[in-house]
Each structure stands twice: as C-alpha cells, then as structure tokens.
C-alpha cells in the first residue's frame, strides 16, 4: 500500500490573509484535476512558527515558505511527478 502524501496548510491569520486561502483552492483543484485526492491527507494547521515567512505549507516533512499560486503548483508537480 502506497503511503499518503501529507499536505498541511497554515490557516493562521497571517498566512491566510497573505494568500493561503487561495493556495488551498489551488491545491484542491490540482488534486481533483489529477485524481490524487485519495493519495493525500490535506489538513489545515494553525501555525508553523515563523509568520514573517508565510504563507507556509508543509508537504510531508518539508516546510515551504513564501508560497504563492505558481510555486505551489511547482511543488505539487514535483511531489507527484506530474
């Protein structure tokens, strides 16, 4: 059985207001478009501790900072080899 990819998106007020609300939409759309929803655990997180570098997304054990629409797509493509 293949291990699921864990995507945690910071939903703290700083990251959310700086764009993670849009990032969440992009992630959901990407997962649906590539039929990957069953391979992923997608969950919100309150804070990763460094709001000045947000928006922040954690994929498995790697924290990614300053996330926007373009670099989240690149990360997803790299993660899922699409």
PDB file of N, CA and C in Angstrom:
ATOM      1  N   UNK A   1       0.832  -1.188   0.000  1.00  0.00           N
ATOM      2  CA  UNK A   1       0.000   0.000   0.000  1.00  0.00           C
ATOM      3  C   UNK A   1       0.875   1.250   0.000  1.00  0.00           C
ATOM      4  N   UNK A   2       0.565   2.150  -0.890  1.00  0.00           N
ATOM      5  CA  UNK A   2       1.310   3.387  -1.047  1.00  0.00           C
ATOM      6  C   UNK A   2       0.992   4.351   0.104  1.00  0.00           C
ATOM      7  N   UNK A   3       2.045   4.964   0.667  1.00  0.00           N
ATOM      8  CA  UNK A   3       1.834   5.929   1.743  1.00  0.00           C
ATOM      9  C   UNK A   3       1.253   7.221   1.191  1.00  0.00           C
ATOM     10  N   UNK A   4       0.332   7.798   1.934  1.00  0.00           N
ATOM     11  CA  UNK A   4      -0.291   9.044   1.501  1.00  0.00           C
ATOM     12  C   UNK A   4       0.641  10.219   1.732  1.00  0.00           C
ATOM     13  N   UNK A   5       0.564  11.189   0.838  1.00  0.00           N
ATOM     14  CA  UNK A   5       1.285  12.442   0.991  1.00  0.00           C
ATOM     15  C   UNK A   5       0.489  13.299   1.971  1.00  0.00           C
ATOM     16  N   UNK A   6       1.175  13.884   2.936  1.00  0.00           N
ATOM     17  CA  UNK A   6       0.512  14.745   3.909  1.00  0.00           C
ATOM     18  C   UNK A   6       0.816  16.191   3.568  1.00  0.00           C
ATOM     19  N   UNK A   7      -0.238  16.937   3.264  1.00  0.00           N
ATOM     20  CA  UNK A   7      -0.108  18.364   2.972  1.00  0.00           C
ATOM     21  C   UNK A   7      -0.810  19.125   4.085  1.00  0.00           C
ATOM     22  N   UNK A   8      -0.031  19.945   4.781  1.00  0.00           N
ATOM     23  CA  UNK A   8      -0.579  20.784   5.846  1.00  0.00           C
ATOM     24  C   UNK A   8      -0.436  22.237   5.419  1.00  0.00           C
ATOM     25  N   UNK A   9      -1.521  22.941   5.457  1.00  0.00           N
ATOM     26  CA  UNK A   9      -1.520  24.329   5.040  1.00  0.00           C
ATOM     27  C   UNK A   9      -1.806  25.207   6.257  1.00  0.00           C
ATOM     28  N   UNK A  10      -0.964  26.209   6.466  1.00  0.00           N
ATOM     29  CA  UNK A  10      -1.139  27.091   7.611  1.00  0.00           C
ATOM     30  C   UNK A  10      -2.387  27.943   7.393  1.00  0.00           C
ATOM     31  N   UNK A  11      -3.296  27.876   8.357  1.00  0.00           N
ATOM     32  CA  UNK A  11      -4.525  28.659   8.290  1.00  0.00           C
ATOM     33  C   UNK A  11      -4.534  29.759   9.359  1.00  0.00           C
ATOM     34  N   UNK A  12      -3.367  30.027   9.941  1.00  0.00           N
ATOM     35  CA  UNK A  12      -3.248  31.142  10.879  1.00  0.00           C
ATOM     36  C   UNK A  12      -3.578  32.440  10.175  1.00  0.00           C
ATOM     37  N   UNK A  13      -3.959  33.443  10.921  1.00  0.00           N
ATOM     38  CA  UNK A  13      -4.451  34.692  10.314  1.00  0.00           C
ATOM     39  C   UNK A  13      -3.440  35.339   9.380  1.00  0.00           C
ATOM     40  N   UNK A  14      -2.160  35.303   9.706  1.00  0.00           N
ATOM     41  CA  UNK A  14      -1.151  35.933   8.858  1.00  0.00           C
ATOM     42  C   UNK A  14      -1.025  35.208   7.515  1.00  0.00           C
ATOM     43  N   UNK A  15      -0.828  33.896   7.554  1.00  0.00           N
ATOM     44  CA  UNK A  15      -0.688  33.128   6.307  1.00  0.00           C
ATOM     45  C   UNK A  15      -1.979  33.149   5.495  1.00  0.00           C
ATOM     46  N   UNK A  16      -3.110  33.039   6.190  1.00  0.00           N
ATOM     47  CA  UNK A  16      -4.392  33.022   5.491  1.00  0.00           C
ATOM     48  C   UNK A  16      -4.615  34.338   4.753  1.00  0.00           C
ATOM     49  N   UNK A  17      -4.371  35.458   5.436  1.00  0.00           N
ATOM     50  CA  UNK A  17      -4.608  36.761   4.802  1.00  0.00           C
ATOM     51  C   UNK A  17      -3.571  37.077   3.731  1.00  0.00           C
ATOM     52  N   UNK A  18      -2.416  36.430   3.792  1.00  0.00           N
ATOM     53  CA  UNK A  18      -1.361  36.672   2.802  1.00  0.00           C
ATOM     54  C   UNK A  18      -1.447  35.728   1.612  1.00  0.00           C
ATOM     55  N   UNK A  19      -2.482  34.876   1.588  1.00  0.00           N
ATOM     56  CA  UNK A  19      -2.687  34.103   0.368  1.00  0.00           C
ATOM     57  C   UNK A  19      -2.959  32.629   0.515  1.00  0.00           C
ATOM     58  N   UNK A  20      -2.855  32.062   1.708  1.00  0.00           N
ATOM     59  CA  UNK A  20      -3.094  30.626   1.808  1.00  0.00           C
ATOM     60  C   UNK A  20      -4.544  30.248   1.564  1.00  0.00           C
ATOM     61  N   UNK A  21      -5.457  31.210   1.654  1.00  0.00           N
ATOM     62  CA  UNK A  21      -6.834  30.908   1.258  1.00  0.00           C
ATOM     63  C   UNK A  21      -6.884  30.563  -0.227  1.00  0.00           C
ATOM     64  N   UNK A  22      -6.139  31.271  -1.044  1.00  0.00           N
ATOM     65  CA  UNK A  22      -6.064  30.977  -2.487  1.00  0.00           C
ATOM     66  C   UNK A  22      -5.238  29.716  -2.741  1.00  0.00           C
ATOM     67  N   UNK A  23      -4.185  29.534  -1.960  1.00  0.00           N
ATOM     68  CA  UNK A  23      -3.348  28.340  -2.104  1.00  0.00           C
ATOM     69  C   UNK A  23      -4.174  27.079  -1.875  1.00  0.00           C
ATOM     70  N   UNK A  24      -5.039  27.108  -0.893  1.00  0.00           N
ATOM     71  CA  UNK A  24      -5.908  25.967  -0.612  1.00  0.00           C
ATOM     72  C   UNK A  24      -6.775  25.631  -1.818  1.00  0.00           C
ATOM     73  N   UNK A  25      -7.322  26.652  -2.464  1.00  0.00           N
ATOM     74  CA  UNK A  25      -8.131  26.435  -3.673  1.00  0.00           C
ATOM     75  C   UNK A  25      -7.299  25.788  -4.772  1.00  0.00           C
ATOM     76  N   UNK A  26      -6.067  26.268  -4.959  1.00  0.00           N
ATOM     77  CA  UNK A  26      -5.187  25.727  -5.998  1.00  0.00           C
ATOM     78  C   UNK A  26      -4.861  24.260  -5.707  1.00  0.00           C
ATOM     79  N   UNK A  27      -4.561  23.941  -4.455  1.00  0.00           N
ATOM     80  CA  UNK A  27      -4.238  22.557  -4.081  1.00  0.00           C
ATOM     81  C   UNK A  27      -5.435  21.654  -4.341  1.00  0.00           C
ATOM     82  N   UNK A  28      -6.596  22.052  -3.890  1.00  0.00           N
ATOM     83  CA  UNK A  28      -7.798  21.223  -4.093  1.00  0.00           C
ATOM     84  C   UNK A  28      -8.069  20.995  -5.577  1.00  0.00           C
ATOM     85  N   UNK A  29      -7.959  22.055  -6.365  1.00  0.00           N
ATOM     86  CA  UNK A  29      -8.191  21.941  -7.810  1.00  0.00           C
ATOM     87  C   UNK A  29      -7.163  20.986  -8.440  1.00  0.00           C
ATOM     88  N   UNK A  30      -5.909  21.136  -8.075  1.00  0.00           N
ATOM     89  CA  UNK A  30      -4.849  20.285  -8.612  1.00  0.00           C
ATOM     90  C   UNK A  30      -5.105  18.817  -8.284  1.00  0.00           C
ATOM     91  N   UNK A  31      -5.449  18.550  -7.023  1.00  0.00           N
ATOM     92  CA  UNK A  31      -5.693  17.167  -6.606  1.00  0.00           C
ATOM     93  C   UNK A  31      -6.885  16.569  -7.348  1.00  0.00           C
ATOM     94  N   UNK A  32      -7.946  17.352  -7.519  1.00  0.00           N
ATOM     95  CA  UNK A  32      -9.111  16.871  -8.265  1.00  0.00           C
ATOM     96  C   UNK A  32      -8.772  16.640  -9.731  1.00  0.00           C
ATOM     97  N   UNK A  33      -8.089  17.603 -10.332  1.00  0.00           N
ATOM     98  CA  UNK A  33      -7.739  17.541 -11.749  1.00  0.00           C
ATOM     99  C   UNK A  33      -6.863  16.327 -12.067  1.00  0.00           C
ATOM    100  N   UNK A  34      -5.982  15.962 -11.142  1.00  0.00           N
ATOM    101  CA  UNK A  34      -5.070  14.844 -11.365  1.00  0.00           C
ATOM    102  C   UNK A  34      -5.518  13.561 -10.648  1.00  0.00           C
ATOM    103  N   UNK A  35      -6.730  13.587 -10.132  1.00  0.00           N
ATOM    104  CA  UNK A  35      -7.321  12.431  -9.452  1.00  0.00           C
ATOM    105  C   UNK A  35      -6.386  11.879  -8.375  1.00  0.00           C
ATOM    106  N   UNK A  36      -5.902  12.796  -7.533  1.00  0.00           N
ATOM    107  CA  UNK A  36      -4.956  12.444  -6.484  1.00  0.00           C
ATOM    108  C   UNK A  36      -5.546  12.566  -5.079  1.00  0.00           C
ATOM    109  N   UNK A  37      -6.795  12.944  -4.982  1.00  0.00           N
ATOM    110  CA  UNK A  37      -7.402  13.188  -3.670  1.00  0.00           C
ATOM    111  C   UNK A  37      -7.280  11.992  -2.739  1.00  0.00           C
ATOM    112  N   UNK A  38      -7.361  10.782  -3.270  1.00  0.00           N
ATOM    113  CA  UNK A  38      -7.259   9.587  -2.456  1.00  0.00           C
ATOM    114  C   UNK A  38      -5.848   9.284  -1.983  1.00  0.00           C
ATOM    115  N   UNK A  39      -4.856   9.956  -2.576  1.00  0.00           N
ATOM    116  CA  UNK A  39      -3.456   9.728  -2.230  1.00  0.00           C
ATOM    117  C   UNK A  39      -2.916  10.742  -1.236  1.00  0.00           C
ATOM    118  N   UNK A  40      -3.796  11.645  -0.768  1.00  0.00           N
ATOM    119  CA  UNK A  40      -3.346  12.791   0.024  1.00  0.00           C
ATOM    120  C   UNK A  40      -4.180  12.942   1.284  1.00  0.00           C
ATOM    121  N   UNK A  41      -3.498  13.336   2.362  1.00  0.00           N
ATOM    122  CA  UNK A  41      -4.178  13.824   3.558  1.00  0.00           C
ATOM    123  C   UNK A  41      -3.941  15.327   3.544  1.00  0.00           C
ATOM    124  N   UNK A  42      -5.018  16.085   3.361  1.00  0.00           N
ATOM    125  CA  UNK A  42      -4.931  17.545   3.309  1.00  0.00           C
ATOM    126  C   UNK A  42      -5.567  18.097   4.570  1.00  0.00           C
ATOM    127  N   UNK A  43      -4.776  18.859   5.319  1.00  0.00           N
ATOM    128  CA  UNK A  43      -5.332  19.398   6.548  1.00  0.00           C
ATOM    129  C   UNK A  43      -4.780  20.784   6.837  1.00  0.00           C
ATOM    130  N   UNK A  44      -5.570  21.547   7.571  1.00  0.00           N
ATOM    131  CA  UNK A  44      -5.161  22.867   8.000  1.00  0.00           C
ATOM    132  C   UNK A  44      -4.353  22.768   9.282  1.00  0.00           C
ATOM    133  N   UNK A  45      -3.489  23.714   9.463  1.00  0.00           N
ATOM    134  CA  UNK A  45      -2.669  23.783  10.658  1.00  0.00           C
ATOM    135  C   UNK A  45      -2.750  25.211  11.166  1.00  0.00           C
ATOM    136  N   UNK A  46      -2.627  25.410  12.461  1.00  0.00           N
ATOM    137  CA  UNK A  46      -2.769  26.770  12.971  1.00  0.00           C
ATOM    138  C   UNK A  46      -1.542  27.619  12.684  1.00  0.00           C
ATOM    139  N   UNK A  47      -0.350  27.122  12.960  1.00  0.00           N
ATOM    140  CA  UNK A  47       0.845  27.937  12.748  1.00  0.00           C
ATOM    141  C   UNK A  47       2.075  27.037  12.727  1.00  0.00           C
ATOM    142  N   UNK A  48       3.049  27.408  11.907  1.00  0.00           N
ATOM    143  CA  UNK A  48       4.323  26.697  11.873  1.00  0.00           C
ATOM    144  C   UNK A  48       5.421  27.481  12.574  1.00  0.00           C
ATOM    145  N   UNK A  49       5.090  28.656  13.131  1.00  0.00           N
ATOM    146  CA  UNK A  49       6.013  29.366  13.993  1.00  0.00           C
ATOM    147  C   UNK A  49       6.805  30.506  13.392  1.00  0.00           C
ATOM    148  N   UNK A  50       6.761  30.728  12.087  1.00  0.00           N
ATOM    149  CA  UNK A  50       7.513  31.839  11.506  1.00  0.00           C
ATOM    150  C   UNK A  50       6.634  32.589  10.520  1.00  0.00           C
ATOM    151  N   UNK A  51       5.729  33.376  11.078  1.00  0.00           N
ATOM    152  CA  UNK A  51       4.722  34.079  10.273  1.00  0.00           C
ATOM    153  C   UNK A  51       5.341  35.034   9.245  1.00  0.00           C
ATOM    154  N   UNK A  52       6.525  35.559   9.522  1.00  0.00           N
ATOM    155  CA  UNK A  52       7.135  36.524   8.607  1.00  0.00           C
ATOM    156  C   UNK A  52       7.532  35.883   7.281  1.00  0.00           C
ATOM    157  N   UNK A  53       7.602  34.554   7.240  1.00  0.00           N
ATOM    158  CA  UNK A  53       7.997  33.866   6.010  1.00  0.00           C
ATOM    159  C   UNK A  53       6.821  33.200   5.316  1.00  0.00           C
ATOM    160  N   UNK A  54       5.620  33.549   5.718  1.00  0.00           N
ATOM    161  CA  UNK A  54       4.420  32.957   5.159  1.00  0.00           C
ATOM    162  C   UNK A  54       4.057  33.547   3.821  1.00  0.00           C
ATOM    163  N   UNK A  55       3.099  32.963   3.214  1.00  0.00           N
ATOM    164  CA  UNK A  55       2.331  31.786   3.560  1.00  0.00           C
ATOM    165  C   UNK A  55       3.185  30.518   3.577  1.00  0.00           C
ATOM    166  N   UNK A  56       2.837  29.618   4.497  1.00  0.00           N
ATOM    167  CA  UNK A  56       3.602  28.405   4.718  1.00  0.00           C
ATOM    168  C   UNK A  56       2.739  27.170   4.433  1.00  0.00           C
ATOM    169  N   UNK A  57       3.360  26.193   3.759  1.00  0.00           N
ATOM    170  CA  UNK A  57       2.735  24.897   3.503  1.00  0.00           C
ATOM    171  C   UNK A  57       3.774  23.836   3.839  1.00  0.00           C
ATOM    172  N   UNK A  58       3.343  22.769   4.489  1.00  0.00           N
ATOM    173  CA  UNK A  58       4.232  21.650   4.807  1.00  0.00           C
ATOM    174  C   UNK A  58       3.778  20.444   4.000  1.00  0.00           C
ATOM    175  N   UNK A  59       4.696  19.873   3.241  1.00  0.00           N
ATOM    176  CA  UNK A  59       4.417  18.662   2.466  1.00  0.00           C
ATOM    177  C   UNK A  59       5.304  17.567   3.034  1.00  0.00           C
ATOM    178  N   UNK A  60       4.657  16.561   3.603  1.00  0.00           N
ATOM    179  CA  UNK A  60       5.337  15.517   4.368  1.00  0.00           C
ATOM    180  C   UNK A  60       6.188  16.189   5.445  1.00  0.00           C
ATOM    181  N   UNK A  61       7.493  16.052   5.400  1.00  0.00           N
ATOM    182  CA  UNK A  61       8.339  16.623   6.459  1.00  0.00           C
ATOM    183  C   UNK A  61       9.025  17.919   6.048  1.00  0.00           C
ATOM    184  N   UNK A  62       8.654  18.484   4.907  1.00  0.00           N
ATOM    185  CA  UNK A  62       9.339  19.666   4.395  1.00  0.00           C
ATOM    186  C   UNK A  62       8.440  20.900   4.472  1.00  0.00           C
ATOM    187  N   UNK A  63       8.934  21.931   5.133  1.00  0.00           N
ATOM    188  CA  UNK A  63       8.205  23.196   5.238  1.00  0.00           C
ATOM    189  C   UNK A  63       8.618  24.086   4.084  1.00  0.00           C
ATOM    190  N   UNK A  64       7.626  24.647   3.403  1.00  0.00           N
ATOM    191  CA  UNK A  64       7.858  25.541   2.267  1.00  0.00           C
ATOM    192  C   UNK A  64       7.290  26.902   2.626  1.00  0.00           C
ATOM    193  N   UNK A  65       8.103  27.934   2.437  1.00  0.00           N
ATOM    194  CA  UNK A  65       7.732  29.287   2.832  1.00  0.00           C
ATOM    195  C   UNK A  65       7.493  30.163   1.606  1.00  0.00           C
ATOM    196  N   UNK A  66       6.811  31.287   1.866  1.00  0.00           N
ATOM    197  CA  UNK A  66       6.507  32.274   0.818  1.00  0.00           C
ATOM    198  C   UNK A  66       5.806  31.631  -0.374  1.00  0.00           C
ATOM    199  N   UNK A  67       4.786  30.866  -0.066  1.00  0.00           N
ATOM    200  CA  UNK A  67       4.037  30.137  -1.089  1.00  0.00           C
ATOM    201  C   UNK A  67       3.073  31.062  -1.817  1.00  0.00           C
ATOM    202  N   UNK A  68       2.998  30.883  -3.117  1.00  0.00           N
ATOM    203  CA  UNK A  68       2.005  31.586  -3.934  1.00  0.00           C
ATOM    204  C   UNK A  68       1.446  30.599  -4.956  1.00  0.00           C
ATOM    205  N   UNK A  69       0.557  31.075  -5.819  1.00  0.00           N
ATOM    206  CA  UNK A  69      -0.108  30.185  -6.783  1.00  0.00           C
ATOM    207  C   UNK A  69       0.884  29.441  -7.678  1.00  0.00           C
ATOM    208  N   UNK A  70       1.933  30.124  -8.107  1.00  0.00           N
ATOM    209  CA  UNK A  70       2.873  29.495  -9.035  1.00  0.00           C
ATOM    210  C   UNK A  70       3.770  28.472  -8.353  1.00  0.00           C
ATOM    211  N   UNK A  71       4.376  28.852  -7.216  1.00  0.00           N
ATOM    212  CA  UNK A  71       5.312  27.903  -6.633  1.00  0.00           C
ATOM    213  C   UNK A  71       4.605  26.722  -5.962  1.00  0.00           C
ATOM    214  N   UNK A  72       3.346  26.873  -5.568  1.00  0.00           N
ATOM    215  CA  UNK A  72       2.636  25.703  -5.048  1.00  0.00           C
ATOM    216  C   UNK A  72       2.391  24.696  -6.169  1.00  0.00           C
ATOM    217  N   UNK A  73       2.102  25.173  -7.356  1.00  0.00           N
ATOM    218  CA  UNK A  73       1.928  24.256  -8.496  1.00  0.00           C
ATOM    219  C   UNK A  73       3.230  23.520  -8.795  1.00  0.00           C
ATOM    220  N   UNK A  74       4.345  24.230  -8.746  1.00  0.00           N
ATOM    221  CA  UNK A  74       5.643  23.589  -8.978  1.00  0.00           C
ATOM    222  C   UNK A  74       5.915  22.518  -7.924  1.00  0.00           C
ATOM    223  N   UNK A  75       5.603  22.825  -6.653  1.00  0.00           N
ATOM    224  CA  UNK A  75       5.812  21.857  -5.584  1.00  0.00           C
ATOM    225  C   UNK A  75       4.932  20.618  -5.765  1.00  0.00           C
ATOM    226  N   UNK A  76       3.684  20.837  -6.148  1.00  0.00           N
ATOM    227  CA  UNK A  76       2.767  19.716  -6.362  1.00  0.00           C
ATOM    228  C   UNK A  76       3.241  18.858  -7.539  1.00  0.00           C
ATOM    229  N   UNK A  77       3.662  19.484  -8.611  1.00  0.00           N
ATOM    230  CA  UNK A  77       4.161  18.738  -9.773  1.00  0.00           C
ATOM    231  C   UNK A  77       5.387  17.916  -9.398  1.00  0.00           C
ATOM    232  N   UNK A  78       6.284  18.500  -8.618  1.00  0.00           N
ATOM    233  CA  UNK A  78       7.472  17.797  -8.174  1.00  0.00           C
ATOM    234  C   UNK A  78       7.122  16.642  -7.226  1.00  0.00           C
ATOM    235  N   UNK A  79       6.211  16.897  -6.310  1.00  0.00           N
ATOM    236  CA  UNK A  79       5.802  15.879  -5.333  1.00  0.00           C
ATOM    237  C   UNK A  79       5.149  14.681  -6.002  1.00  0.00           C
ATOM    238  N   UNK A  80       4.292  14.954  -6.998  1.00  0.00           N
ATOM    239  CA  UNK A  80       3.512  13.879  -7.623  1.00  0.00           C
ATOM    240  C   UNK A  80       4.041  13.468  -8.994  1.00  0.00           C
ATOM    241  N   UNK A  81       5.152  14.044  -9.427  1.00  0.00           N
ATOM    242  CA  UNK A  81       5.751  13.718 -10.726  1.00  0.00           C
ATOM    243  C   UNK A  81       4.748  13.842 -11.863  1.00  0.00           C
ATOM    244  N   UNK A  82       4.040  14.971 -11.884  1.00  0.00           N
ATOM    245  CA  UNK A  82       3.049  15.181 -12.954  1.00  0.00           C
ATOM    246  C   UNK A  82       3.502  16.249 -13.916  1.00  0.00           C
TER     247      UNK A  82
END
